[in-house]
Amino acid sequence: MPPRPGARHDPLVALTRADPLSPFYDPQHAQPLSPAPPGGWGEIDQALMDAVRAAVPAFPLDLLPTFWRDWVADTASATGAPADYVAQ
């Protein structure tokens, strides 16, 4: 099949030829996405690592009906899971 006129400058053809997973891959068309080198992630915000967060309030078991309150409390105690996790 003869090439289409203007296919040499068609952006879709260029993308297809630059994709290493494409059956039409041609290394001469592969180019970096940006002419600038990658800048990296930068420094990690150490404040995210601190354990100075406020304590999570206890799940309000008293708002549940008696059957569910007892069931959630017993299941949380037996499994070692928090009551809010069991209630969910």
Protein backbone atom coordinates (compact mmCIF):
# COMPACT_ATOMS: atom_id res chain seq x y z
CA MET A 1 0.00 0.00 0.00
CA PRO A 2 1.51 3.35 -0.96
CA PRO A 3 1.90 5.90 1.86
CA ARG A 4 -0.72 8.58 2.13
CA PRO A 5 0.26 12.09 1.10
CA GLY A 6 1.30 14.01 4.20
CA ALA A 7 1.50 10.81 6.31
CA ARG A 8 5.10 11.60 7.14
CA HIS A 9 3.98 14.56 9.26
CA ASP A 10 0.78 13.03 10.59
CA PRO A 11 0.93 13.17 14.44
CA LEU A 12 -0.92 9.85 14.78
CA VAL A 13 1.58 8.11 12.54
CA ALA A 14 4.42 9.65 14.56
CA LEU A 15 2.87 8.44 17.82
CA THR A 16 2.38 4.95 16.44
CA ARG A 17 5.97 4.75 15.24
CA ALA A 18 7.30 6.11 18.56
CA ASP A 19 5.39 3.56 20.70
CA PRO A 20 7.64 0.58 21.49
CA LEU A 21 4.56 -1.65 21.87
CA SER A 22 3.27 -0.81 18.42
CA PRO A 23 3.88 -3.24 15.56
CA PHE A 24 4.92 -0.17 13.52
CA TYR A 25 7.58 0.92 16.04
CA ASP A 26 10.54 2.65 14.47
CA PRO A 27 13.34 3.70 16.89
CA GLN A 28 14.23 6.76 14.83
CA HIS A 29 10.82 8.24 15.75
CA ALA A 30 11.17 7.60 19.49
CA GLN A 31 11.78 10.85 21.35
CA PRO A 32 11.54 11.83 25.01
CA LEU A 33 8.23 13.36 26.02
CA SER A 34 9.97 16.48 27.23
CA PRO A 35 13.23 18.05 26.09
CA ALA A 36 14.03 18.90 29.73
CA PRO A 37 15.35 16.20 32.06
CA PRO A 38 12.91 15.04 34.74
CA GLY A 39 13.04 17.16 37.87
CA GLY A 40 12.33 14.36 40.31
CA TRP A 41 9.90 14.22 43.18
CA GLY A 42 11.63 16.68 45.43
CA GLU A 43 12.00 16.33 49.17
CA ILE A 44 9.52 14.39 51.29
CA ASP A 45 7.47 16.53 53.66
CA GLN A 46 8.58 15.11 57.01
CA ALA A 47 5.46 16.56 58.69
CA LEU A 48 3.54 13.67 57.14
CA MET A 49 5.67 11.23 59.13
CA ASP A 50 5.01 12.81 62.52
CA ALA A 51 2.71 11.04 64.93
CA VAL A 52 1.27 14.27 66.32
CA ARG A 53 -2.22 13.74 65.01
CA ALA A 54 -5.27 14.09 67.18
CA ALA A 55 -6.70 10.88 68.58
CA VAL A 56 -9.72 9.48 66.79
CA PRO A 57 -12.89 9.73 68.91
CA ALA A 58 -14.40 6.48 70.13
CA PHE A 59 -17.27 5.01 68.15
CA PRO A 60 -20.59 5.94 69.84
CA LEU A 61 -21.82 2.42 70.68
CA ASP A 62 -24.60 3.87 72.84
CA LEU A 63 -26.34 5.14 69.70
CA LEU A 64 -26.89 1.59 68.43
CA PRO A 65 -29.90 -0.53 69.44
CA THR A 66 -29.14 -2.90 72.34
CA PHE A 67 -28.74 -6.03 70.20
CA TRP A 68 -26.32 -4.36 67.77
CA ARG A 69 -24.43 -2.54 70.55
CA ASP A 70 -23.72 -5.85 72.31
CA TRP A 71 -22.89 -7.63 69.07
CA VAL A 72 -20.47 -4.91 67.89
CA ALA A 73 -18.78 -4.71 71.31
CA ASP A 74 -18.41 -8.50 71.61
CA THR A 75 -17.17 -8.94 68.03
CA ALA A 76 -14.69 -6.06 68.35
CA SER A 77 -13.36 -7.53 71.59
CA ALA A 78 -13.12 -11.07 70.18
CA THR A 79 -11.37 -10.09 66.97
CA GLY A 80 -9.22 -7.26 68.28
CA ALA A 81 -10.72 -4.93 65.69
CA PRO A 82 -11.97 -1.42 66.46
CA ALA A 83 -15.70 -1.09 67.12
CA ASP A 84 -16.17 1.36 64.23
CA TYR A 85 -14.66 -1.20 61.82
CA VAL A 86 -17.01 -3.92 63.08
CA ALA A 87 -20.01 -1.59 62.91
CA GLN A 88 -19.28 -0.74 59.30
